[in-house]
Amino acid sequence: MTIGGKIALFLGGTLFGSAGLKILSGKDARKVYTHTTAAVLRGKDEVMKHVELIQEGCSDILADAKQINEDRKKAEEAQFIEESAEA
C-alpha cells in the first residue's frame, strides 16, 4: 500500500470515528442507554428476589437436615445406652 493510500485510510478512519462518537453521544443515543440501563436494573431486582427466595428455602432445608441428624444422634445414643444396660 502506498503512503497516499495509508493516509487516506487514516483520514477515513478518523472521520468515521468522529462521526461515530457524535452519533453515540447524541440525545437519542443517550435516551436508549438510559432506557436500557433502567431495564437492566429492573431485571437485576427480579433476579435478586428469586435469589432471596432460594436462600430462604435453603435455610429451611438446612435447619431440617440438622434436626434430623440431631434426632438420629439422640436415638443412637439411647440405643447404645440400652444395649449397654442389657450387657
PDB file of N, CA and C in Angstrom:
ATOM      1  N   MET A   1       0.857  -1.166   0.000  1.00  0.00           N
ATOM      2  CA  MET A   1       0.000   0.000   0.000  1.00  0.00           C
ATOM      3  C   MET A   1       0.902   1.228   0.000  1.00  0.00           C
ATOM      4  N   THR A   2       0.479   2.214  -0.740  1.00  0.00           N
ATOM      5  CA  THR A   2       1.292   3.426  -0.863  1.00  0.00           C
ATOM      6  C   THR A   2       1.045   4.344   0.323  1.00  0.00           C
ATOM      7  N   ILE A   3       1.921   5.306   0.466  1.00  0.00           N
ATOM      8  CA  ILE A   3       1.779   6.278   1.550  1.00  0.00           C
ATOM      9  C   ILE A   3       0.473   7.050   1.395  1.00  0.00           C
ATOM     10  N   GLY A   4       0.110   7.400   0.169  1.00  0.00           N
ATOM     11  CA  GLY A   4      -1.147   8.117  -0.070  1.00  0.00           C
ATOM     12  C   GLY A   4      -2.346   7.287   0.355  1.00  0.00           C
ATOM     13  N   GLY A   5      -2.277   5.965   0.079  1.00  0.00           N
ATOM     14  CA  GLY A   5      -3.357   5.056   0.476  1.00  0.00           C
ATOM     15  C   GLY A   5      -3.461   4.944   1.991  1.00  0.00           C
ATOM     16  N   LYS A   6      -2.304   4.888   2.654  1.00  0.00           N
ATOM     17  CA  LYS A   6      -2.293   4.811   4.119  1.00  0.00           C
ATOM     18  C   LYS A   6      -2.858   6.081   4.738  1.00  0.00           C
ATOM     19  N   ILE A   7      -2.503   7.210   4.164  1.00  0.00           N
ATOM     20  CA  ILE A   7      -3.024   8.493   4.677  1.00  0.00           C
ATOM     21  C   ILE A   7      -4.532   8.550   4.475  1.00  0.00           C
ATOM     22  N   ALA A   8      -4.997   8.117   3.316  1.00  0.00           N
ATOM     23  CA  ALA A   8      -6.437   8.120   3.038  1.00  0.00           C
ATOM     24  C   ALA A   8      -7.169   7.208   4.018  1.00  0.00           C
ATOM     25  N   LEU A   9      -6.595   6.047   4.285  1.00  0.00           N
ATOM     26  CA  LEU A   9      -7.198   5.119   5.254  1.00  0.00           C
ATOM     27  C   LEU A   9      -7.240   5.745   6.648  1.00  0.00           C
ATOM     28  N   PHE A  10      -6.154   6.370   7.047  1.00  0.00           N
ATOM     29  CA  PHE A  10      -6.105   7.019   8.354  1.00  0.00           C
ATOM     30  C   PHE A  10      -7.159   8.115   8.460  1.00  0.00           C
ATOM     31  N   LEU A  11      -7.248   8.971   7.439  1.00  0.00           N
ATOM     32  CA  LEU A  11      -8.223  10.058   7.458  1.00  0.00           C
ATOM     33  C   LEU A  11      -9.649   9.521   7.444  1.00  0.00           C
ATOM     34  N   GLY A  12      -9.880   8.464   6.659  1.00  0.00           N
ATOM     35  CA  GLY A  12     -11.212   7.848   6.632  1.00  0.00           C
ATOM     36  C   GLY A  12     -11.575   7.275   7.994  1.00  0.00           C
ATOM     37  N   GLY A  13     -10.630   6.608   8.638  1.00  0.00           N
ATOM     38  CA  GLY A  13     -10.871   6.051   9.978  1.00  0.00           C
ATOM     39  C   GLY A  13     -11.130   7.134  10.999  1.00  0.00           C
ATOM     40  N   THR A  14     -10.376   8.214  10.906  1.00  0.00           N
ATOM     41  CA  THR A  14     -10.569   9.334  11.834  1.00  0.00           C
ATOM     42  C   THR A  14     -11.941   9.962  11.637  1.00  0.00           C
ATOM     43  N   LEU A  15     -12.333  10.149  10.386  1.00  0.00           N
ATOM     44  CA  LEU A  15     -13.641  10.728  10.090  1.00  0.00           C
ATOM     45  C   LEU A  15     -14.754   9.815  10.577  1.00  0.00           C
ATOM     46  N   PHE A  16     -14.615   8.517  10.303  1.00  0.00           N
ATOM     47  CA  PHE A  16     -15.619   7.547  10.745  1.00  0.00           C
ATOM     48  C   PHE A  16     -15.698   7.506  12.269  1.00  0.00           C
ATOM     49  N   GLY A  17     -14.547   7.547  12.934  1.00  0.00           N
ATOM     50  CA  GLY A  17     -14.518   7.546  14.399  1.00  0.00           C
ATOM     51  C   GLY A  17     -15.169   8.785  14.975  1.00  0.00           C
ATOM     52  N   SER A  18     -14.901   9.932  14.388  1.00  0.00           N
ATOM     53  CA  SER A  18     -15.509  11.187  14.862  1.00  0.00           C
ATOM     54  C   SER A  18     -17.008  11.155  14.679  1.00  0.00           C
ATOM     55  N   ALA A  19     -17.466  10.673  13.527  1.00  0.00           N
ATOM     56  CA  ALA A  19     -18.913  10.578  13.278  1.00  0.00           C
ATOM     57  C   ALA A  19     -19.542   9.595  14.251  1.00  0.00           C
ATOM     58  N   GLY A  20     -18.838   8.494  14.508  1.00  0.00           N
ATOM     59  CA  GLY A  20     -19.344   7.501  15.463  1.00  0.00           C
ATOM     60  C   GLY A  20     -19.502   8.079  16.850  1.00  0.00           C
ATOM     61  N   LEU A  21     -18.519   8.850  17.287  1.00  0.00           N
ATOM     62  CA  LEU A  21     -18.604   9.476  18.607  1.00  0.00           C
ATOM     63  C   LEU A  21     -19.773  10.445  18.674  1.00  0.00           C
ATOM     64  N   LYS A  22     -19.991  11.187  17.615  1.00  0.00           N
ATOM     65  CA  LYS A  22     -21.088  12.143  17.573  1.00  0.00           C
ATOM     66  C   LYS A  22     -22.428  11.408  17.672  1.00  0.00           C
ATOM     67  N   ILE A  23     -22.534  10.308  16.947  1.00  0.00           N
ATOM     68  CA  ILE A  23     -23.769   9.519  16.985  1.00  0.00           C
ATOM     69  C   ILE A  23     -23.986   8.925  18.376  1.00  0.00           C
ATOM     70  N   LEU A  24     -22.920   8.357  18.955  1.00  0.00           N
ATOM     71  CA  LEU A  24     -23.045   7.703  20.263  1.00  0.00           C
ATOM     72  C   LEU A  24     -23.304   8.683  21.403  1.00  0.00           C
ATOM     73  N   SER A  25     -22.945   9.949  21.220  1.00  0.00           N
ATOM     74  CA  SER A  25     -23.152  10.917  22.300  1.00  0.00           C
ATOM     75  C   SER A  25     -24.365  11.805  22.053  1.00  0.00           C
ATOM     76  N   GLY A  26     -25.188  11.472  21.076  1.00  0.00           N
ATOM     77  CA  GLY A  26     -26.374  12.264  20.775  1.00  0.00           C
ATOM     78  C   GLY A  26     -27.492  12.038  21.782  1.00  0.00           C
ATOM     79  N   LYS A  27     -28.524  12.897  21.689  1.00  0.00           N
ATOM     80  CA  LYS A  27     -29.670  12.804  22.609  1.00  0.00           C
ATOM     81  C   LYS A  27     -30.389  11.463  22.483  1.00  0.00           C
ATOM     82  N   ASP A  28     -30.599  11.023  21.230  1.00  0.00           N
ATOM     83  CA  ASP A  28     -31.316   9.765  21.018  1.00  0.00           C
ATOM     84  C   ASP A  28     -30.537   8.585  21.591  1.00  0.00           C
ATOM     85  N   ALA A  29     -29.240   8.591  21.391  1.00  0.00           N
ATOM     86  CA  ALA A  29     -28.412   7.511  21.920  1.00  0.00           C
ATOM     87  C   ALA A  29     -28.447   7.516  23.445  1.00  0.00           C
ATOM     88  N   ARG A  30     -28.386   8.683  24.028  1.00  0.00           N
ATOM     89  CA  ARG A  30     -28.434   8.787  25.499  1.00  0.00           C
ATOM     90  C   ARG A  30     -29.749   8.238  26.034  1.00  0.00           C
ATOM     91  N   LYS A  31     -30.831   8.512  25.310  1.00  0.00           N
ATOM     92  CA  LYS A  31     -32.142   8.017  25.708  1.00  0.00           C
ATOM     93  C   LYS A  31     -32.165   6.485  25.672  1.00  0.00           C
ATOM     94  N   VAL A  32     -31.575   5.923  24.613  1.00  0.00           N
ATOM     95  CA  VAL A  32     -31.510   4.464  24.503  1.00  0.00           C
ATOM     96  C   VAL A  32     -30.685   3.878  25.642  1.00  0.00           C
ATOM     97  N   TYR A  33     -29.539   4.482  25.932  1.00  0.00           N
ATOM     98  CA  TYR A  33     -28.692   3.998  27.030  1.00  0.00           C
ATOM     99  C   TYR A  33     -29.436   4.056  28.356  1.00  0.00           C
ATOM    100  N   THR A  34     -30.166   5.134  28.577  1.00  0.00           N
ATOM    101  CA  THR A  34     -30.899   5.303  29.830  1.00  0.00           C
ATOM    102  C   THR A  34     -31.982   4.246  29.976  1.00  0.00           C
ATOM    103  N   HIS A  35     -32.747   4.018  28.920  1.00  0.00           N
ATOM    104  CA  HIS A  35     -33.814   3.014  28.983  1.00  0.00           C
ATOM    105  C   HIS A  35     -33.240   1.600  29.124  1.00  0.00           C
ATOM    106  N   THR A  36     -32.140   1.350  28.450  1.00  0.00           N
ATOM    107  CA  THR A  36     -31.504   0.039  28.565  1.00  0.00           C
ATOM    108  C   THR A  36     -30.996  -0.198  29.984  1.00  0.00           C
ATOM    109  N   THR A  37     -30.381   0.817  30.561  1.00  0.00           N
ATOM    110  CA  THR A  37     -29.879   0.702  31.930  1.00  0.00           C
ATOM    111  C   THR A  37     -31.020   0.490  32.907  1.00  0.00           C
ATOM    112  N   ALA A  38     -32.131   1.202  32.707  1.00  0.00           N
ATOM    113  CA  ALA A  38     -33.303   1.028  33.572  1.00  0.00           C
ATOM    114  C   ALA A  38     -33.836  -0.398  33.479  1.00  0.00           C
ATOM    115  N   ALA A  39     -33.888  -0.948  32.271  1.00  0.00           N
ATOM    116  CA  ALA A  39     -34.360  -2.324  32.093  1.00  0.00           C
ATOM    117  C   ALA A  39     -33.435  -3.318  32.788  1.00  0.00           C
ATOM    118  N   VAL A  40     -32.146  -3.086  32.686  1.00  0.00           N
ATOM    119  CA  VAL A  40     -31.175  -3.973  33.343  1.00  0.00           C
ATOM    120  C   VAL A  40     -31.348  -3.920  34.860  1.00  0.00           C
ATOM    121  N   LEU A  41     -31.570  -2.744  35.392  1.00  0.00           N
ATOM    122  CA  LEU A  41     -31.771  -2.609  36.840  1.00  0.00           C
ATOM    123  C   LEU A  41     -33.046  -3.322  37.288  1.00  0.00           C
ATOM    124  N   ARG A  42     -34.111  -3.218  36.483  1.00  0.00           N
ATOM    125  CA  ARG A  42     -35.348  -3.939  36.820  1.00  0.00           C
ATOM    126  C   ARG A  42     -35.092  -5.436  36.796  1.00  0.00           C
ATOM    127  N   GLY A  43     -34.365  -5.895  35.808  1.00  0.00           N
ATOM    128  CA  GLY A  43     -34.039  -7.311  35.723  1.00  0.00           C
ATOM    129  C   GLY A  43     -33.229  -7.773  36.921  1.00  0.00           C
ATOM    130  N   LYS A  44     -32.283  -6.950  37.342  1.00  0.00           N
ATOM    131  CA  LYS A  44     -31.452  -7.287  38.497  1.00  0.00           C
ATOM    132  C   LYS A  44     -32.318  -7.425  39.751  1.00  0.00           C
ATOM    133  N   ASP A  45     -33.286  -6.517  39.905  1.00  0.00           N
ATOM    134  CA  ASP A  45     -34.171  -6.585  41.069  1.00  0.00           C
ATOM    135  C   ASP A  45     -34.975  -7.886  41.079  1.00  0.00           C
ATOM    136  N   GLU A  46     -35.454  -8.297  39.915  1.00  0.00           N
ATOM    137  CA  GLU A  46     -36.211  -9.546  39.825  1.00  0.00           C
ATOM    138  C   GLU A  46     -35.326 -10.745  40.157  1.00  0.00           C
ATOM    139  N   VAL A  47     -34.127 -10.751  39.652  1.00  0.00           N
ATOM    140  CA  VAL A  47     -33.200 -11.851  39.937  1.00  0.00           C
ATOM    141  C   VAL A  47     -32.908 -11.916  41.435  1.00  0.00           C
ATOM    142  N   MET A  48     -32.701 -10.756  42.049  1.00  0.00           N
ATOM    143  CA  MET A  48     -32.401 -10.730  43.490  1.00  0.00           C
ATOM    144  C   MET A  48     -33.584 -11.244  44.312  1.00  0.00           C
ATOM    145  N   LYS A  49     -34.822 -10.981  43.872  1.00  0.00           N
ATOM    146  CA  LYS A  49     -35.996 -11.516  44.569  1.00  0.00           C
ATOM    147  C   LYS A  49     -35.965 -13.040  44.545  1.00  0.00           C
ATOM    148  N   HIS A  50     -35.647 -13.599  43.381  1.00  0.00           N
ATOM    149  CA  HIS A  50     -35.584 -15.055  43.263  1.00  0.00           C
ATOM    150  C   HIS A  50     -34.442 -15.623  44.099  1.00  0.00           C
ATOM    151  N   VAL A  51     -33.329 -14.945  44.128  1.00  0.00           N
ATOM    152  CA  VAL A  51     -32.190 -15.400  44.931  1.00  0.00           C
ATOM    153  C   VAL A  51     -32.579 -15.446  46.407  1.00  0.00           C
ATOM    154  N   GLU A  52     -33.281 -14.419  46.877  1.00  0.00           N
ATOM    155  CA  GLU A  52     -33.704 -14.386  48.280  1.00  0.00           C
ATOM    156  C   GLU A  52     -34.643 -15.538  48.596  1.00  0.00           C
ATOM    157  N   LEU A  53     -35.587 -15.848  47.683  1.00  0.00           N
ATOM    158  CA  LEU A  53     -36.500 -16.965  47.901  1.00  0.00           C
ATOM    159  C   LEU A  53     -35.744 -18.286  47.968  1.00  0.00           C
ATOM    160  N   ILE A  54     -34.784 -18.448  47.097  1.00  0.00           N
ATOM    161  CA  ILE A  54     -33.989 -19.679  47.094  1.00  0.00           C
ATOM    162  C   ILE A  54     -33.184 -19.789  48.392  1.00  0.00           C
ATOM    163  N   GLN A  55     -32.601 -18.679  48.844  1.00  0.00           N
ATOM    164  CA  GLN A  55     -31.823 -18.696  50.085  1.00  0.00           C
ATOM    165  C   GLN A  55     -32.708 -19.065  51.271  1.00  0.00           C
ATOM    166  N   GLU A  56     -33.928 -18.535  51.302  1.00  0.00           N
ATOM    167  CA  GLU A  56     -34.844 -18.879  52.395  1.00  0.00           C
ATOM    168  C   GLU A  56     -35.162 -20.361  52.381  1.00  0.00           C
ATOM    169  N   GLY A  57     -35.418 -20.903  51.183  1.00  0.00           N
ATOM    170  CA  GLY A  57     -35.701 -22.331  51.061  1.00  0.00           C
ATOM    171  C   GLY A  57     -34.521 -23.168  51.504  1.00  0.00           C
ATOM    172  N   CYS A  58     -33.324 -22.765  51.130  1.00  0.00           N
ATOM    173  CA  CYS A  58     -32.118 -23.497  51.528  1.00  0.00           C
ATOM    174  C   CYS A  58     -31.910 -23.439  53.037  1.00  0.00           C
ATOM    175  N   SER A  59     -32.213 -22.313  53.640  1.00  0.00           N
ATOM    176  CA  SER A  59     -32.073 -22.186  55.096  1.00  0.00           C
ATOM    177  C   SER A  59     -33.019 -23.144  55.804  1.00  0.00           C
ATOM    178  N   ASP A  60     -34.259 -23.257  55.295  1.00  0.00           N
ATOM    179  CA  ASP A  60     -35.223 -24.189  55.880  1.00  0.00           C
ATOM    180  C   ASP A  60     -34.750 -25.628  55.739  1.00  0.00           C
ATOM    181  N   ILE A  61     -34.226 -25.964  54.567  1.00  0.00           N
ATOM    182  CA  ILE A  61     -33.731 -27.324  54.330  1.00  0.00           C
ATOM    183  C   ILE A  61     -32.561 -27.628  55.258  1.00  0.00           C
ATOM    184  N   LEU A  62     -31.659 -26.673  55.429  1.00  0.00           N
ATOM    185  CA  LEU A  62     -30.509 -26.871  56.311  1.00  0.00           C
ATOM    186  C   LEU A  62     -30.961 -27.081  57.754  1.00  0.00           C
ATOM    187  N   ALA A  63     -31.906 -26.281  58.198  1.00  0.00           N
ATOM    188  CA  ALA A  63     -32.408 -26.424  59.574  1.00  0.00           C
ATOM    189  C   ALA A  63     -33.058 -27.790  59.759  1.00  0.00           C
ATOM    190  N   ASP A  64     -33.852 -28.242  58.786  1.00  0.00           N
ATOM    191  CA  ASP A  64     -34.490 -29.556  58.886  1.00  0.00           C
ATOM    192  C   ASP A  64     -33.446 -30.671  58.893  1.00  0.00           C
ATOM    193  N   ALA A  65     -32.420 -30.550  58.058  1.00  0.00           N
ATOM    194  CA  ALA A  65     -31.369 -31.569  58.000  1.00  0.00           C
ATOM    195  C   ALA A  65     -30.622 -31.650  59.326  1.00  0.00           C
ATOM    196  N   LYS A  66     -30.326 -30.508  59.925  1.00  0.00           N
ATOM    197  CA  LYS A  66     -29.650 -30.504  61.227  1.00  0.00           C
ATOM    198  C   LYS A  66     -30.524 -31.160  62.286  1.00  0.00           C
ATOM    199  N   GLN A  67     -31.824 -30.914  62.239  1.00  0.00           N
ATOM    200  CA  GLN A  67     -32.743 -31.516  63.210  1.00  0.00           C
ATOM    201  C   GLN A  67     -32.787 -33.034  63.027  1.00  0.00           C
ATOM    202  N   ILE A  68     -32.809 -33.489  61.779  1.00  0.00           N
ATOM    203  CA  ILE A  68     -32.809 -34.935  61.507  1.00  0.00           C
ATOM    204  C   ILE A  68     -31.554 -35.573  62.077  1.00  0.00           C
ATOM    205  N   ASN A  69     -30.406 -34.964  61.853  1.00  0.00           N
ATOM    206  CA  ASN A  69     -29.148 -35.519  62.373  1.00  0.00           C
ATOM    207  C   ASN A  69     -29.117 -35.514  63.894  1.00  0.00           C
ATOM    208  N   GLU A  70     -29.653 -34.459  64.490  1.00  0.00           N
ATOM    209  CA  GLU A  70     -29.692 -34.394  65.956  1.00  0.00           C
ATOM    210  C   GLU A  70     -30.608 -35.486  66.509  1.00  0.00           C
ATOM    211  N   ASP A  71     -31.760 -35.669  65.898  1.00  0.00           N
ATOM    212  CA  ASP A  71     -32.689 -36.721  66.343  1.00  0.00           C
ATOM    213  C   ASP A  71     -32.063 -38.098  66.173  1.00  0.00           C
ATOM    214  N   ARG A  72     -31.359 -38.306  65.056  1.00  0.00           N
ATOM    215  CA  ARG A  72     -30.717 -39.601  64.806  1.00  0.00           C
ATOM    216  C   ARG A  72     -29.626 -39.868  65.844  1.00  0.00           C
ATOM    217  N   LYS A  73     -28.858 -38.821  66.174  1.00  0.00           N
ATOM    218  CA  LYS A  73     -27.796 -38.979  67.165  1.00  0.00           C
ATOM    219  C   LYS A  73     -28.370 -39.342  68.526  1.00  0.00           C
ATOM    220  N   LYS A  74     -29.463 -38.682  68.914  1.00  0.00           N
ATOM    221  CA  LYS A  74     -30.108 -38.999  70.200  1.00  0.00           C
ATOM    222  C   LYS A  74     -30.620 -40.433  70.208  1.00  0.00           C
ATOM    223  N   ALA A  75     -31.188 -40.878  69.094  1.00  0.00           N
ATOM    224  CA  ALA A  75     -31.701 -42.250  69.014  1.00  0.00           C
ATOM    225  C   ALA A  75     -30.552 -43.253  69.109  1.00  0.00           C
ATOM    226  N   GLU A  76     -29.433 -42.967  68.449  1.00  0.00           N
ATOM    227  CA  GLU A  76     -28.273 -43.857  68.521  1.00  0.00           C
ATOM    228  C   GLU A  76     -27.713 -43.911  69.939  1.00  0.00           C
ATOM    229  N   GLU A  77     -27.668 -42.756  70.613  1.00  0.00           N
ATOM    230  CA  GLU A  77     -27.172 -42.726  71.990  1.00  0.00           C
ATOM    231  C   GLU A  77     -28.097 -43.517  72.911  1.00  0.00           C
ATOM    232  N   ALA A  78     -29.401 -43.370  72.698  1.00  0.00           N
ATOM    233  CA  ALA A  78     -30.353 -44.108  73.533  1.00  0.00           C
ATOM    234  C   ALA A  78     -30.215 -45.613  73.285  1.00  0.00           C
ATOM    235  N   GLN A  79     -30.029 -46.002  72.041  1.00  0.00           N
ATOM    236  CA  GLN A  79     -29.865 -47.414  71.715  1.00  0.00           C
ATOM    237  C   GLN A  79     -28.566 -47.949  72.324  1.00  0.00           C
ATOM    238  N   PHE A  80     -27.503 -47.173  72.299  1.00  0.00           N
ATOM    239  CA  PHE A  80     -26.226 -47.589  72.875  1.00  0.00           C
ATOM    240  C   PHE A  80     -26.388 -47.793  74.378  1.00  0.00           C
ATOM    241  N   ILE A  81     -27.064 -46.857  75.047  1.00  0.00           N
ATOM    242  CA  ILE A  81     -27.271 -46.970  76.499  1.00  0.00           C
ATOM    243  C   ILE A  81     -28.111 -48.189  76.818  1.00  0.00           C
ATOM    244  N   GLU A  82     -29.134 -48.425  75.975  1.00  0.00           N
ATOM    245  CA  GLU A  82     -29.992 -49.584  76.196  1.00  0.00           C
ATOM    246  C   GLU A  82     -29.229 -50.891  76.025  1.00  0.00           C
ATOM    247  N   GLU A  83     -28.394 -50.952  74.973  1.00  0.00           N
ATOM    248  CA  GLU A  83     -27.598 -52.165  74.731  1.00  0.00           C
ATOM    249  C   GLU A  83     -26.558 -52.362  75.836  1.00  0.00           C
ATOM    250  N   SER A  84     -26.007 -51.257  76.349  1.00  0.00           N
ATOM    251  CA  SER A  84     -25.010 -51.362  77.430  1.00  0.00           C
ATOM    252  C   SER A  84     -25.670 -51.864  78.704  1.00  0.00           C
ATOM    253  N   ALA A  85     -26.907 -51.425  78.948  1.00  0.00           N
ATOM    254  CA  ALA A  85     -27.599 -51.849  80.171  1.00  0.00           C
ATOM    255  C   ALA A  85     -27.958 -53.333  80.095  1.00  0.00           C
ATOM    256  N   GLU A  86     -28.243 -53.824  78.895  1.00  0.00           N
ATOM    257  CA  GLU A  86     -28.591 -55.242  78.743  1.00  0.00           C
ATOM    258  C   GLU A  86     -27.378 -56.143  78.901  1.00  0.00           C
ATOM    259  N   ALA A  87     -26.196 -55.601  78.581  1.00  0.00           N
ATOM    260  CA  ALA A  87     -24.990 -56.426  78.630  1.00  0.00           C
ATOM    261  C   ALA A  87     -24.461 -56.507  80.022  1.00  0.00           C
TER     262      ALA A  87
END
